[in-house]
């Protein structure tokens, strides 16, 4: 609920101004000048919300000694794989997870080294698939941990953010805004299409330029070297722009999921209230010398230059 308070003093001739001209009446600043903003008697709790990652919080959560934020769990699990499953008390998933990771990355490393040593064709074709399988298992560990994270509050901003990081558009579905998914996917796929097209043309004109620059093969090229160089540079620039667009749209949908998850419980209604009450204000000059140690009291020997004025305070709540 937002609150806007407007001090509007209706200073007219019929109000008691105590002999002061109406033009000297100012907004009431009595509260602002009497507040103590450095109260050392109040001990504030240590704020840890500004920490992006805390080892004490992460390992305390793994030991089930404290509540741990989903962002801290995900960040720690980047290195300590399986941490999210331990926090969720789903220990039976750990053997499956580690077996998949070992088979993927271990098998990929073995087949790659064998291919380099023996030039075996099967190993050459197999090692990328092994690595892809290991990466898929690694990705699945985060998705599984995010889905099984226990707080039931919906939407949970950390969960929505991780969903969008792991699978574009999934955070929007979680926030109940599935209509955004086709928009973001169209932008992402369009960026991929232009990236592939521009990269292909860049490689083509790069090859033509290399051929045209070689005196032995220059006669067989369809266009001149300078023309091929111009096209090469143009498509390289378009390729880079396409990559920037792809990264930009990806980050945009992550930010969108995070922001709108916070706004999920934002209350918007037509309830308005107006409060009008008498008020007393003093001029700026009356606050020029205050005995701050005793609250609102002029310093000894101080004489107000402009008397107080009386009026009405108008408060609008929406």
Protein backbone atom coordinates (compact mmCIF):
# COMPACT_ATOMS: atom_id res chain seq x y z
CA UNK A 1 0.00 0.00 0.00
CA UNK A 2 1.60 3.22 -1.11
CA UNK A 3 1.21 6.34 1.04
CA UNK A 4 1.45 9.91 -0.11
CA UNK A 5 0.96 12.68 2.46
CA UNK A 6 0.63 16.23 1.19
CA UNK A 7 0.81 19.05 3.72
CA UNK A 8 -1.39 21.70 2.22
CA UNK A 9 -1.99 24.49 4.70
CA UNK A 10 -4.86 26.78 3.80
CA UNK A 11 -3.44 30.04 4.96
CA UNK A 12 -6.08 32.68 4.65
CA UNK A 13 -6.65 35.95 6.35
CA UNK A 14 -9.20 34.56 8.80
CA UNK A 15 -6.66 32.12 10.38
CA UNK A 16 -4.71 33.15 13.41
CA UNK A 17 -1.32 34.17 12.19
CA UNK A 18 -0.33 35.95 15.37
CA UNK A 19 0.53 39.10 13.55
CA UNK A 20 2.79 37.50 10.93
CA UNK A 21 2.19 38.01 7.23
CA UNK A 22 0.62 35.01 5.48
CA UNK A 23 3.52 34.86 3.06
CA UNK A 24 5.86 33.71 5.83
CA UNK A 25 3.84 30.60 6.67
CA UNK A 26 5.66 27.46 5.61
CA UNK A 27 5.12 23.70 5.73
CA UNK A 28 5.27 22.13 9.18
CA UNK A 29 8.73 20.66 9.75
CA UNK A 30 8.42 20.06 13.48
CA UNK A 31 8.68 16.25 13.13
CA UNK A 32 11.62 16.33 10.75
CA UNK A 33 13.69 18.55 13.01
CA UNK A 34 12.97 16.62 16.20
CA UNK A 35 13.71 13.08 14.95
CA UNK A 36 16.92 11.41 16.03
CA UNK A 37 18.36 9.54 13.05
CA UNK A 38 21.40 8.28 14.94
CA UNK A 39 19.85 6.56 17.90
CA UNK A 40 22.67 4.49 19.34
CA UNK A 41 20.42 2.88 21.95
CA UNK A 42 18.73 0.68 19.36
CA UNK A 43 20.79 -2.32 18.33
CA UNK A 44 19.96 -3.30 14.80
CA UNK A 45 20.19 -6.86 13.63
CA UNK A 46 22.95 -7.61 11.19
CA UNK A 47 21.62 -7.35 7.67
CA UNK A 48 22.81 -10.24 5.52
CA UNK A 49 20.53 -9.61 2.56
CA UNK A 50 23.32 -7.81 0.70
CA UNK A 51 25.49 -10.94 0.60
CA UNK A 52 25.32 -12.73 -2.71
CA UNK A 53 26.74 -15.93 -1.23
CA UNK A 54 27.55 -17.14 2.26
CA UNK A 55 29.44 -20.36 2.97
CA UNK A 56 27.94 -20.44 6.46
CA UNK A 57 24.45 -20.21 5.03
CA UNK A 58 25.12 -22.81 2.35
CA UNK A 59 26.73 -25.47 4.53
CA UNK A 60 24.32 -24.69 7.35
CA UNK A 61 21.51 -25.52 4.96
CA UNK A 62 23.19 -28.75 3.86
CA UNK A 63 23.39 -29.70 7.53
CA UNK A 64 19.69 -28.82 7.93
CA UNK A 65 20.54 -26.35 10.68
CA UNK A 66 19.05 -23.27 9.03
CA UNK A 67 16.89 -22.04 6.19
CA UNK A 68 18.87 -21.35 3.03
CA UNK A 69 17.89 -19.16 0.10
CA UNK A 70 17.42 -20.87 -3.21
CA UNK A 71 19.97 -18.56 -4.84
CA UNK A 72 22.62 -19.52 -2.30
CA UNK A 73 21.88 -23.21 -2.87
CA UNK A 74 22.16 -22.85 -6.64
CA UNK A 75 25.41 -20.87 -6.42
CA UNK A 76 27.00 -23.40 -4.06
CA UNK A 77 25.83 -26.34 -6.15
CA UNK A 78 27.76 -25.00 -9.13
CA UNK A 79 30.83 -26.49 -7.43
CA UNK A 80 29.40 -28.84 -4.81
CA UNK A 81 27.13 -30.72 -7.19
CA UNK A 82 24.12 -32.30 -5.51
CA UNK A 83 23.83 -29.72 -2.75
CA UNK A 84 20.27 -28.87 -3.69
CA UNK A 85 19.26 -32.54 -3.48
CA UNK A 86 20.88 -32.82 -0.03
CA UNK A 87 19.04 -29.72 1.19
CA UNK A 88 15.76 -31.14 -0.12
CA UNK A 89 16.54 -34.43 1.71
CA UNK A 90 16.33 -36.44 -1.51
CA UNK A 91 19.48 -38.47 -0.97
CA UNK A 92 18.33 -41.29 -3.25
CA UNK A 93 18.91 -39.02 -6.27
CA UNK A 94 22.61 -38.56 -5.54
CA UNK A 95 23.76 -41.97 -6.92
CA UNK A 96 21.80 -41.33 -10.12
CA UNK A 97 23.27 -37.85 -10.42
CA UNK A 98 26.88 -38.83 -9.85
CA UNK A 99 26.61 -41.89 -12.08
CA UNK A 100 25.31 -39.74 -14.93
CA UNK A 101 28.03 -37.13 -14.43
CA UNK A 102 30.77 -39.75 -14.27
CA UNK A 103 29.49 -41.55 -17.35
CA UNK A 104 29.13 -38.33 -19.32
CA UNK A 105 32.29 -36.40 -18.50
CA UNK A 106 34.41 -39.46 -17.72
CA UNK A 107 33.37 -41.27 -20.91
CA UNK A 108 33.83 -38.08 -22.94
CA UNK A 109 37.34 -37.55 -21.61
CA UNK A 110 38.35 -41.18 -22.24
CA UNK A 111 36.99 -41.27 -25.81
CA UNK A 112 38.56 -37.87 -26.61
CA UNK A 113 41.99 -38.94 -25.41
CA UNK A 114 41.67 -42.22 -27.30
CA UNK A 115 40.68 -40.37 -30.46
CA UNK A 116 43.73 -38.11 -30.16
CA UNK A 117 45.99 -41.11 -29.69
CA UNK A 118 44.54 -43.56 -32.24
CA UNK A 119 42.48 -41.33 -34.54
CA UNK A 120 39.60 -43.75 -34.03
CA UNK A 121 36.51 -42.63 -35.98
CA UNK A 122 34.03 -44.01 -33.41
CA UNK A 123 35.72 -42.12 -30.61
CA UNK A 124 35.70 -38.98 -32.72
CA UNK A 125 31.92 -39.21 -33.12
CA UNK A 126 31.23 -40.42 -29.58
CA UNK A 127 33.06 -37.99 -27.30
CA UNK A 128 30.82 -34.95 -28.07
CA UNK A 129 27.74 -37.02 -27.15
CA UNK A 130 29.31 -38.13 -23.89
CA UNK A 131 30.06 -34.55 -22.93
CA UNK A 132 26.55 -33.48 -23.95
CA UNK A 133 25.08 -36.19 -21.73
CA UNK A 134 27.16 -35.06 -18.76
CA UNK A 135 26.14 -31.43 -19.32
CA UNK A 136 22.49 -32.48 -19.53
CA UNK A 137 22.75 -34.31 -16.19
CA UNK A 138 24.44 -31.27 -14.64
CA UNK A 139 21.64 -29.02 -15.93
CA UNK A 140 18.98 -31.46 -14.72
CA UNK A 141 20.39 -31.38 -11.18
CA UNK A 142 19.65 -27.64 -10.95
CA UNK A 143 16.21 -27.95 -12.49
CA UNK A 144 15.29 -30.78 -10.15
CA UNK A 145 16.60 -28.89 -7.11
CA UNK A 146 14.67 -25.77 -8.09
CA UNK A 147 11.40 -27.67 -8.58
CA UNK A 148 11.71 -29.53 -5.25
CA UNK A 149 12.78 -26.50 -3.19
CA UNK A 150 10.35 -26.60 -0.27
CA UNK A 151 8.92 -23.06 0.33
CA UNK A 152 5.34 -22.93 -0.93
CA UNK A 153 5.22 -19.17 -1.42
CA UNK A 154 4.22 -18.44 -4.97
CA UNK A 155 5.65 -16.81 -6.83
CA UNK A 156 9.09 -17.16 -5.26
CA UNK A 157 11.46 -14.70 -7.01
CA UNK A 158 14.53 -16.93 -6.72
CA UNK A 159 12.68 -19.89 -8.19
CA UNK A 160 11.29 -17.83 -11.07
CA UNK A 161 14.78 -16.50 -11.84
CA UNK A 162 16.37 -19.95 -11.84
CA UNK A 163 13.58 -21.32 -14.03
CA UNK A 164 14.29 -18.66 -16.65
CA UNK A 165 18.04 -19.21 -16.41
CA UNK A 166 17.63 -22.94 -16.94
CA UNK A 167 14.89 -22.80 -19.58
CA UNK A 168 13.85 -19.53 -21.24
CA UNK A 169 10.15 -18.85 -20.69
CA UNK A 170 9.76 -21.26 -17.80
CA UNK A 171 9.87 -18.41 -15.28
CA UNK A 172 7.05 -16.64 -17.10
CA UNK A 173 4.94 -19.81 -16.97
CA UNK A 174 5.67 -20.08 -13.24
CA UNK A 175 4.52 -16.46 -12.75
CA UNK A 176 1.27 -17.18 -14.62
CA UNK A 177 2.27 -15.13 -17.66
CA UNK A 178 2.48 -17.84 -20.29
CA UNK A 179 1.46 -15.39 -23.03
CA UNK A 180 5.00 -13.95 -22.88
CA UNK A 181 6.63 -17.26 -23.80
CA UNK A 182 5.89 -17.11 -27.57
CA UNK A 183 7.15 -13.51 -27.64
CA UNK A 184 10.47 -14.32 -26.02
CA UNK A 185 10.95 -17.53 -27.96
CA UNK A 186 10.25 -15.72 -31.24
CA UNK A 187 12.92 -13.14 -30.33
CA UNK A 188 15.41 -15.82 -29.29
CA UNK A 189 14.84 -18.04 -32.32
CA UNK A 190 14.94 -15.03 -34.63
CA UNK A 191 18.30 -14.06 -33.14
CA UNK A 192 19.60 -17.62 -33.63
CA UNK A 193 18.38 -17.64 -37.23
CA UNK A 194 20.12 -14.36 -38.07
CA UNK A 195 23.26 -15.46 -36.24
CA UNK A 196 23.51 -18.69 -38.25
CA UNK A 197 22.73 -16.92 -41.54
CA UNK A 198 25.24 -14.13 -40.98
CA UNK A 199 27.89 -16.55 -39.74
CA UNK A 200 27.46 -18.70 -42.86
CA UNK A 201 27.80 -15.69 -45.14
CA UNK A 202 30.79 -14.45 -43.16
CA UNK A 203 32.57 -17.79 -43.58
CA UNK A 204 31.71 -17.82 -47.30
CA UNK A 205 33.10 -14.35 -48.04
CA UNK A 206 36.07 -14.97 -45.79
CA UNK A 207 36.96 -18.00 -47.92
CA UNK A 208 36.43 -16.00 -51.14
CA UNK A 209 38.64 -13.19 -49.86
CA UNK A 210 41.40 -15.62 -48.93
CA UNK A 211 41.21 -17.18 -52.36
CA UNK A 212 41.11 -13.82 -54.14
CA UNK A 213 44.10 -12.59 -52.15
CA UNK A 214 46.18 -15.56 -53.27
CA UNK A 215 47.85 -14.78 -56.63
CA UNK A 216 47.65 -18.42 -57.67
CA UNK A 217 43.84 -18.69 -57.26
CA UNK A 218 42.74 -15.07 -57.77
CA UNK A 219 41.64 -15.68 -61.34
CA UNK A 220 39.09 -18.33 -60.33
CA UNK A 221 37.20 -16.26 -57.73
CA UNK A 222 33.80 -14.80 -58.76
CA UNK A 223 34.40 -11.36 -57.17
CA UNK A 224 37.38 -9.16 -56.44
CA UNK A 225 39.28 -9.34 -53.18
CA UNK A 226 38.21 -5.86 -52.01
CA UNK A 227 34.54 -6.63 -52.63
CA UNK A 228 34.81 -9.92 -50.78
CA UNK A 229 36.55 -8.14 -47.90
CA UNK A 230 33.70 -5.60 -47.63
CA UNK A 231 31.07 -8.35 -47.53
CA UNK A 232 33.16 -10.33 -45.04
CA UNK A 233 33.39 -7.41 -42.64
CA UNK A 234 29.68 -6.56 -43.00
CA UNK A 235 28.49 -10.10 -42.23
CA UNK A 236 30.92 -10.38 -39.35
CA UNK A 237 29.38 -7.24 -37.86
CA UNK A 238 25.84 -8.58 -38.40
CA UNK A 239 26.89 -11.88 -36.82
CA UNK A 240 28.12 -10.07 -33.73
CA UNK A 241 24.93 -7.99 -33.51
CA UNK A 242 22.88 -11.17 -33.72
CA UNK A 243 24.82 -12.69 -30.84
CA UNK A 244 24.31 -9.54 -28.77
CA UNK A 245 20.58 -9.67 -29.51
CA UNK A 246 20.44 -13.33 -28.46
CA UNK A 247 22.19 -12.64 -25.16
CA UNK A 248 20.09 -9.51 -24.61
CA UNK A 249 16.75 -11.28 -25.09
CA UNK A 250 17.89 -14.14 -22.85
CA UNK A 251 18.83 -11.75 -20.04
CA UNK A 252 15.64 -9.76 -20.58
CA UNK A 253 13.40 -12.75 -19.98
CA UNK A 254 15.39 -13.60 -16.83
CA UNK A 255 14.95 -10.05 -15.51
CA UNK A 256 11.28 -10.12 -16.51
CA UNK A 257 10.68 -13.32 -14.52
CA UNK A 258 12.45 -11.92 -11.47
CA UNK A 259 10.71 -8.54 -11.46
CA UNK A 260 7.19 -9.79 -12.08
CA UNK A 261 7.54 -12.49 -9.44
CA UNK A 262 8.04 -9.69 -6.91
CA UNK A 263 4.96 -7.92 -8.27
CA UNK A 264 2.83 -11.07 -8.01
CA UNK A 265 1.38 -10.06 -4.64
CA UNK A 266 1.33 -6.33 -5.33
CA UNK A 267 -2.09 -5.08 -4.35
CA UNK A 268 -3.80 -2.67 -6.70
CA UNK A 269 -7.31 -1.54 -5.75
CA UNK A 270 -9.59 1.48 -5.77
CA UNK A 271 -9.58 2.05 -2.01
CA UNK A 272 -8.84 5.70 -1.32
CA UNK A 273 -8.98 7.64 1.91
CA UNK A 274 -8.70 11.32 2.67
CA UNK A 275 -7.89 12.77 6.08
CA UNK A 276 -8.10 16.46 6.95
CA UNK A 277 -6.99 17.69 10.36
CA UNK A 278 -5.80 20.88 12.01
CA UNK A 279 -2.08 21.54 11.88
CA UNK A 280 0.48 23.98 13.21
CA UNK A 281 3.50 25.01 11.20
CA UNK A 282 6.48 27.19 11.84
CA UNK A 283 8.68 29.17 9.52
CA UNK A 284 12.12 27.98 8.42
CA UNK A 285 13.75 30.58 10.62
CA UNK A 286 12.32 29.02 13.80
CA UNK A 287 14.39 25.87 13.21
CA UNK A 288 17.65 27.65 12.59
CA UNK A 289 18.80 27.14 16.18
CA UNK A 290 17.51 24.15 18.16
CA UNK A 291 18.75 22.47 21.28
CA UNK A 292 18.99 19.02 19.64
CA UNK A 293 19.87 17.25 22.86
CA UNK A 294 16.46 18.13 24.32
CA UNK A 295 14.31 17.50 21.32
CA UNK A 296 12.11 20.28 19.94
CA UNK A 297 13.10 23.30 21.95
CA UNK A 298 14.74 26.51 20.81
CA UNK A 299 18.22 27.10 22.10
CA UNK A 300 18.60 29.23 25.17
CA UNK A 301 18.08 32.88 24.41
CA UNK A 302 16.66 32.22 20.94
CA UNK A 303 13.64 34.29 19.98
CA UNK A 304 11.43 33.18 17.08
CA UNK A 305 11.55 35.56 14.16
CA UNK A 306 8.20 34.48 12.70
CA UNK A 307 5.31 33.22 14.85
CA UNK A 308 3.62 29.90 14.19
CA UNK A 309 0.75 29.69 11.73
CA UNK A 310 -2.36 27.52 11.89
CA UNK A 311 -4.07 25.68 9.08
CA UNK A 312 -5.31 22.33 7.81
CA UNK A 313 -3.29 19.22 6.86
CA UNK A 314 -4.57 17.22 3.91
CA UNK A 315 -3.51 13.53 3.73
CA UNK A 316 -4.32 11.29 0.78
CA UNK A 317 -3.90 7.53 1.10
CA UNK A 318 -4.08 5.23 -1.93
